[in-house]
Amino acid sequence: QVQLVESGGGLVQPGGSLRVSCAASGFTFSSYSMKWYRQVPGKEREFVAAITRTGAVKNYADSVKARFTISRDNTKNTMYLQMNSLKPEDTAVYYCNTRVNLNDYWGQGTQVTVSS
């Protein structure tokens, strides 16, 4: 079955950097686009970034453009989100997502906290 497992979250100071990962299994990773979302308590989950199957095309939310970089390694079935110049408003649980055969799959999330 499709499994997505996020890791790499933690506490970081404003202006700092962090990289979160999403390890995928149970499907042909290289055949599907992947996305990152984030959510804070009491708010809807929001789109952060997306990457196509080969990594040739990437899209970002305006709020993270020029600070975050999405990437993937199809040999390792893993997607990444490099986050630089982090701000307190980036604090959230970060989720990876994919759609396989019209079904949406989510990981359990990884907490990122930006605070001094």
N, C-alpha and C. Protein backbone atom coordinates (compact mmCIF):
# COMPACT_ATOMS: atom_id res chain seq x y z
N GLN A 1 0.84 -1.18 0.00
CA GLN A 1 0.00 0.00 0.00
C GLN A 1 0.89 1.25 0.00
N VAL A 2 0.30 2.35 -0.45
CA VAL A 2 1.03 3.61 -0.51
C VAL A 2 1.36 4.09 0.90
N GLN A 3 2.63 4.40 1.10
CA GLN A 3 3.05 4.96 2.39
C GLN A 3 3.95 6.16 2.15
N LEU A 4 3.70 7.20 2.92
CA LEU A 4 4.53 8.41 2.89
C LEU A 4 4.95 8.70 4.32
N VAL A 5 6.25 8.86 4.53
CA VAL A 5 6.76 9.09 5.87
C VAL A 5 7.65 10.32 5.87
N GLU A 6 7.21 11.37 6.56
CA GLU A 6 7.98 12.60 6.66
C GLU A 6 8.96 12.51 7.84
N SER A 7 10.05 13.24 7.70
CA SER A 7 11.03 13.33 8.78
C SER A 7 11.82 14.62 8.61
N GLY A 8 12.58 14.96 9.66
CA GLY A 8 13.48 16.10 9.58
C GLY A 8 12.98 17.38 10.20
N GLY A 9 11.77 17.37 10.73
CA GLY A 9 11.27 18.58 11.38
C GLY A 9 12.00 18.86 12.68
N GLY A 10 11.72 20.02 13.26
CA GLY A 10 12.36 20.37 14.51
C GLY A 10 12.20 21.84 14.83
N LEU A 11 12.97 22.28 15.80
CA LEU A 11 12.95 23.68 16.25
C LEU A 11 14.13 24.41 15.62
N VAL A 12 13.86 25.55 15.03
CA VAL A 12 14.92 26.33 14.39
C VAL A 12 14.65 27.81 14.66
N GLN A 13 15.73 28.58 14.76
CA GLN A 13 15.58 30.02 15.01
C GLN A 13 15.18 30.76 13.74
N PRO A 14 14.52 31.89 13.88
CA PRO A 14 14.20 32.70 12.70
C PRO A 14 15.46 33.00 11.90
N GLY A 15 15.33 32.88 10.57
CA GLY A 15 16.48 33.08 9.69
C GLY A 15 17.26 31.81 9.43
N GLY A 16 16.95 30.76 10.15
CA GLY A 16 17.66 29.51 10.01
C GLY A 16 17.14 28.66 8.86
N SER A 17 17.74 27.47 8.75
CA SER A 17 17.38 26.55 7.66
C SER A 17 17.06 25.17 8.23
N LEU A 18 16.28 24.44 7.45
CA LEU A 18 15.90 23.08 7.83
C LEU A 18 15.55 22.34 6.54
N ARG A 19 15.82 21.04 6.50
CA ARG A 19 15.38 20.23 5.37
C ARG A 19 14.52 19.09 5.88
N VAL A 20 13.32 19.00 5.33
CA VAL A 20 12.44 17.88 5.65
C VAL A 20 12.39 16.93 4.47
N SER A 21 12.15 15.65 4.79
CA SER A 21 12.15 14.60 3.78
C SER A 21 10.83 13.84 3.81
N CYS A 22 10.54 13.21 2.68
CA CYS A 22 9.35 12.36 2.57
C CYS A 22 9.78 11.08 1.87
N ALA A 23 9.79 9.98 2.61
CA ALA A 23 10.14 8.68 2.05
C ALA A 23 8.87 7.98 1.59
N ALA A 24 8.88 7.55 0.32
CA ALA A 24 7.68 6.95 -0.27
C ALA A 24 7.88 5.46 -0.53
N SER A 25 6.79 4.71 -0.44
CA SER A 25 6.83 3.29 -0.76
C SER A 25 5.44 2.84 -1.16
N GLY A 26 5.38 1.66 -1.80
CA GLY A 26 4.09 1.09 -2.17
C GLY A 26 3.56 1.53 -3.51
N PHE A 27 4.31 2.34 -4.23
CA PHE A 27 3.91 2.75 -5.57
C PHE A 27 5.17 3.13 -6.35
N THR A 28 5.01 3.31 -7.65
CA THR A 28 6.15 3.66 -8.50
C THR A 28 6.40 5.16 -8.37
N PHE A 29 7.27 5.51 -7.45
CA PHE A 29 7.50 6.91 -7.06
C PHE A 29 7.79 7.80 -8.26
N SER A 30 8.60 7.32 -9.17
CA SER A 30 9.05 8.14 -10.30
C SER A 30 7.94 8.45 -11.30
N SER A 31 6.77 7.82 -11.13
CA SER A 31 5.67 8.03 -12.07
C SER A 31 4.67 9.08 -11.61
N TYR A 32 4.89 9.67 -10.43
CA TYR A 32 3.88 10.56 -9.87
C TYR A 32 4.46 11.87 -9.38
N SER A 33 3.69 12.93 -9.61
CA SER A 33 4.03 14.21 -9.03
C SER A 33 3.86 14.13 -7.51
N MET A 34 4.54 15.01 -6.83
CA MET A 34 4.50 15.04 -5.37
C MET A 34 4.30 16.48 -4.90
N LYS A 35 3.75 16.61 -3.71
CA LYS A 35 3.50 17.94 -3.17
C LYS A 35 3.83 18.00 -1.68
N TRP A 36 4.12 19.21 -1.23
CA TRP A 36 4.22 19.52 0.20
C TRP A 36 3.07 20.46 0.57
N TYR A 37 2.47 20.19 1.71
CA TYR A 37 1.47 21.06 2.31
C TYR A 37 1.89 21.33 3.75
N ARG A 38 1.24 22.32 4.37
CA ARG A 38 1.46 22.57 5.79
C ARG A 38 0.16 23.00 6.44
N GLN A 39 0.11 22.81 7.75
CA GLN A 39 -1.12 23.14 8.48
C GLN A 39 -0.78 23.57 9.90
N VAL A 40 -1.47 24.63 10.33
CA VAL A 40 -1.39 25.06 11.72
C VAL A 40 -2.75 24.82 12.36
N PRO A 41 -2.77 24.62 13.67
CA PRO A 41 -4.05 24.33 14.34
C PRO A 41 -5.09 25.42 14.06
N GLY A 42 -6.30 25.01 13.74
CA GLY A 42 -7.38 25.95 13.51
C GLY A 42 -7.44 26.52 12.11
N LYS A 43 -6.48 26.13 11.26
CA LYS A 43 -6.47 26.64 9.89
C LYS A 43 -6.51 25.47 8.91
N GLU A 44 -6.91 25.79 7.68
CA GLU A 44 -6.93 24.75 6.64
C GLU A 44 -5.50 24.42 6.21
N ARG A 45 -5.36 23.20 5.74
CA ARG A 45 -4.07 22.79 5.20
C ARG A 45 -3.79 23.61 3.94
N GLU A 46 -2.57 24.12 3.80
CA GLU A 46 -2.26 24.97 2.65
C GLU A 46 -1.13 24.39 1.82
N PHE A 47 -1.24 24.63 0.53
CA PHE A 47 -0.24 24.18 -0.42
C PHE A 47 1.07 24.93 -0.21
N VAL A 48 2.18 24.20 -0.29
CA VAL A 48 3.50 24.82 -0.15
C VAL A 48 4.28 24.73 -1.47
N ALA A 49 4.40 23.51 -2.01
CA ALA A 49 5.22 23.32 -3.21
C ALA A 49 4.84 22.01 -3.89
N ALA A 50 5.14 21.94 -5.19
CA ALA A 50 4.87 20.74 -5.97
C ALA A 50 6.01 20.48 -6.93
N ILE A 51 6.19 19.22 -7.28
CA ILE A 51 7.25 18.84 -8.22
C ILE A 51 6.72 17.73 -9.12
N THR A 52 7.06 17.83 -10.41
CA THR A 52 6.60 16.81 -11.36
C THR A 52 7.43 15.54 -11.23
N ARG A 53 7.06 14.53 -12.03
CA ARG A 53 7.66 13.20 -11.89
C ARG A 53 9.18 13.22 -12.02
N THR A 54 9.67 13.98 -12.99
CA THR A 54 11.12 14.00 -13.22
C THR A 54 11.82 15.11 -12.45
N GLY A 55 11.03 15.99 -11.85
CA GLY A 55 11.62 17.14 -11.17
C GLY A 55 11.86 18.32 -12.09
N ALA A 56 11.40 18.22 -13.33
CA ALA A 56 11.68 19.29 -14.29
C ALA A 56 10.87 20.55 -14.00
N VAL A 57 9.69 20.39 -13.43
CA VAL A 57 8.83 21.54 -13.15
C VAL A 57 8.51 21.59 -11.67
N LYS A 58 8.66 22.78 -11.10
CA LYS A 58 8.39 22.98 -9.68
C LYS A 58 7.49 24.22 -9.51
N ASN A 59 6.58 24.14 -8.57
CA ASN A 59 5.71 25.27 -8.27
C ASN A 59 5.73 25.54 -6.78
N TYR A 60 5.57 26.82 -6.44
CA TYR A 60 5.63 27.22 -5.03
C TYR A 60 4.50 28.16 -4.68
N ALA A 61 4.07 28.13 -3.43
CA ALA A 61 3.18 29.16 -2.91
C ALA A 61 3.96 30.46 -2.85
N ASP A 62 3.26 31.58 -3.05
CA ASP A 62 3.94 32.88 -3.04
C ASP A 62 4.66 33.12 -1.72
N SER A 63 4.10 32.60 -0.64
CA SER A 63 4.65 32.87 0.69
C SER A 63 6.02 32.21 0.91
N VAL A 64 6.38 31.23 0.08
CA VAL A 64 7.66 30.53 0.29
C VAL A 64 8.61 30.67 -0.88
N LYS A 65 8.15 31.29 -1.96
CA LYS A 65 9.00 31.45 -3.15
C LYS A 65 10.30 32.12 -2.78
N ALA A 66 11.38 31.66 -3.37
CA ALA A 66 12.73 32.20 -3.19
C ALA A 66 13.34 31.82 -1.84
N ARG A 67 12.56 31.16 -0.97
CA ARG A 67 13.11 30.71 0.32
C ARG A 67 13.15 29.19 0.41
N PHE A 68 12.14 28.53 -0.17
CA PHE A 68 12.04 27.07 -0.10
C PHE A 68 12.38 26.46 -1.46
N THR A 69 12.96 25.26 -1.43
CA THR A 69 13.27 24.53 -2.66
C THR A 69 12.80 23.08 -2.52
N ILE A 70 11.95 22.67 -3.45
CA ILE A 70 11.48 21.29 -3.48
C ILE A 70 12.37 20.49 -4.43
N SER A 71 12.65 19.25 -4.07
CA SER A 71 13.44 18.39 -4.93
C SER A 71 13.06 16.94 -4.68
N ARG A 72 13.56 16.06 -5.50
CA ARG A 72 13.28 14.63 -5.33
C ARG A 72 14.45 13.83 -5.85
N ASP A 73 14.60 12.62 -5.28
CA ASP A 73 15.59 11.67 -5.74
C ASP A 73 14.86 10.38 -6.06
N ASN A 74 14.61 10.14 -7.34
CA ASN A 74 13.83 8.98 -7.72
C ASN A 74 14.57 7.66 -7.50
N THR A 75 15.88 7.72 -7.31
CA THR A 75 16.62 6.49 -7.01
C THR A 75 16.44 6.09 -5.54
N LYS A 76 16.03 7.07 -4.72
CA LYS A 76 15.83 6.80 -3.30
C LYS A 76 14.36 6.87 -2.89
N ASN A 77 13.48 7.10 -3.87
CA ASN A 77 12.04 7.23 -3.57
C ASN A 77 11.78 8.26 -2.47
N THR A 78 12.45 9.38 -2.58
CA THR A 78 12.39 10.39 -1.52
C THR A 78 12.24 11.78 -2.12
N MET A 79 11.40 12.58 -1.47
CA MET A 79 11.22 13.98 -1.82
C MET A 79 11.73 14.84 -0.66
N TYR A 80 12.19 16.03 -1.00
CA TYR A 80 12.77 16.92 0.01
C TYR A 80 12.14 18.31 -0.08
N LEU A 81 12.23 19.04 1.03
CA LEU A 81 11.89 20.45 1.05
C LEU A 81 12.98 21.17 1.84
N GLN A 82 13.82 21.89 1.13
CA GLN A 82 14.85 22.70 1.77
C GLN A 82 14.23 24.05 2.10
N MET A 83 14.27 24.41 3.38
CA MET A 83 13.64 25.65 3.83
C MET A 83 14.72 26.58 4.39
N ASN A 84 14.88 27.72 3.76
CA ASN A 84 15.87 28.72 4.19
C ASN A 84 15.16 29.99 4.63
N SER A 85 15.89 30.83 5.33
CA SER A 85 15.34 32.11 5.80
C SER A 85 13.98 31.91 6.48
N LEU A 86 13.94 30.95 7.35
CA LEU A 86 12.67 30.59 7.99
C LEU A 86 12.14 31.72 8.86
N LYS A 87 10.81 31.83 8.87
CA LYS A 87 10.11 32.86 9.64
C LYS A 87 9.18 32.19 10.64
N PRO A 88 8.82 32.90 11.71
CA PRO A 88 7.89 32.30 12.68
C PRO A 88 6.59 31.84 12.02
N GLU A 89 6.16 32.53 10.99
CA GLU A 89 4.91 32.13 10.33
C GLU A 89 5.05 30.87 9.49
N ASP A 90 6.25 30.34 9.38
CA ASP A 90 6.43 29.04 8.71
C ASP A 90 6.17 27.88 9.67
N THR A 91 5.97 28.19 10.94
CA THR A 91 5.68 27.16 11.93
C THR A 91 4.40 26.42 11.56
N ALA A 92 4.50 25.09 11.44
CA ALA A 92 3.36 24.28 11.02
C ALA A 92 3.77 22.81 11.04
N VAL A 93 2.79 21.95 10.86
CA VAL A 93 3.07 20.55 10.55
C VAL A 93 3.14 20.44 9.03
N TYR A 94 4.22 19.88 8.54
CA TYR A 94 4.45 19.74 7.10
C TYR A 94 4.11 18.31 6.66
N TYR A 95 3.30 18.23 5.60
CA TYR A 95 2.83 16.95 5.09
C TYR A 95 3.25 16.77 3.63
N CYS A 96 3.61 15.55 3.26
CA CYS A 96 3.78 15.27 1.84
C CYS A 96 2.53 14.57 1.32
N ASN A 97 2.32 14.72 0.03
CA ASN A 97 1.09 14.26 -0.60
C ASN A 97 1.36 13.77 -2.00
N THR A 98 0.61 12.75 -2.40
CA THR A 98 0.58 12.34 -3.79
C THR A 98 -0.80 11.81 -4.12
N ARG A 99 -1.11 11.80 -5.41
CA ARG A 99 -2.38 11.26 -5.86
C ARG A 99 -2.07 10.08 -6.77
N VAL A 100 -2.53 8.90 -6.36
CA VAL A 100 -2.30 7.67 -7.11
C VAL A 100 -3.65 7.05 -7.43
N ASN A 101 -3.90 6.84 -8.71
CA ASN A 101 -5.18 6.24 -9.14
C ASN A 101 -6.37 7.00 -8.55
N LEU A 102 -6.30 8.33 -8.61
CA LEU A 102 -7.37 9.23 -8.16
C LEU A 102 -7.55 9.27 -6.65
N ASN A 103 -6.69 8.60 -5.90
CA ASN A 103 -6.75 8.64 -4.44
C ASN A 103 -5.63 9.51 -3.90
N ASP A 104 -5.98 10.37 -2.94
CA ASP A 104 -4.98 11.22 -2.28
C ASP A 104 -4.39 10.49 -1.09
N TYR A 105 -3.06 10.54 -0.98
CA TYR A 105 -2.36 9.93 0.14
C TYR A 105 -1.54 10.99 0.86
N TRP A 106 -1.51 10.85 2.20
CA TRP A 106 -0.80 11.80 3.05
C TRP A 106 0.10 11.05 4.02
N GLY A 107 1.20 11.70 4.39
CA GLY A 107 2.00 11.17 5.46
C GLY A 107 1.45 11.62 6.80
N GLN A 108 2.17 11.27 7.87
CA GLN A 108 1.70 11.62 9.22
C GLN A 108 2.09 13.04 9.61
N GLY A 109 3.00 13.64 8.83
CA GLY A 109 3.42 15.01 9.10
C GLY A 109 4.65 15.09 9.97
N THR A 110 5.36 16.20 9.83
CA THR A 110 6.51 16.48 10.69
C THR A 110 6.42 17.93 11.14
N GLN A 111 6.60 18.17 12.43
CA GLN A 111 6.44 19.50 13.02
C GLN A 111 7.68 20.35 12.77
N VAL A 112 7.46 21.54 12.24
CA VAL A 112 8.51 22.54 12.10
C VAL A 112 8.12 23.74 12.94
N THR A 113 8.99 24.12 13.86
CA THR A 113 8.73 25.26 14.74
C THR A 113 9.86 26.27 14.57
N VAL A 114 9.48 27.49 14.22
CA VAL A 114 10.46 28.57 14.04
C VAL A 114 10.27 29.57 15.18
N SER A 115 11.23 29.59 16.06
CA SER A 115 11.09 30.43 17.25
C SER A 115 12.46 30.70 17.86
N SER A 116 12.58 31.88 18.46
CA SER A 116 13.82 32.19 19.17
C SER A 116 13.70 31.83 20.65
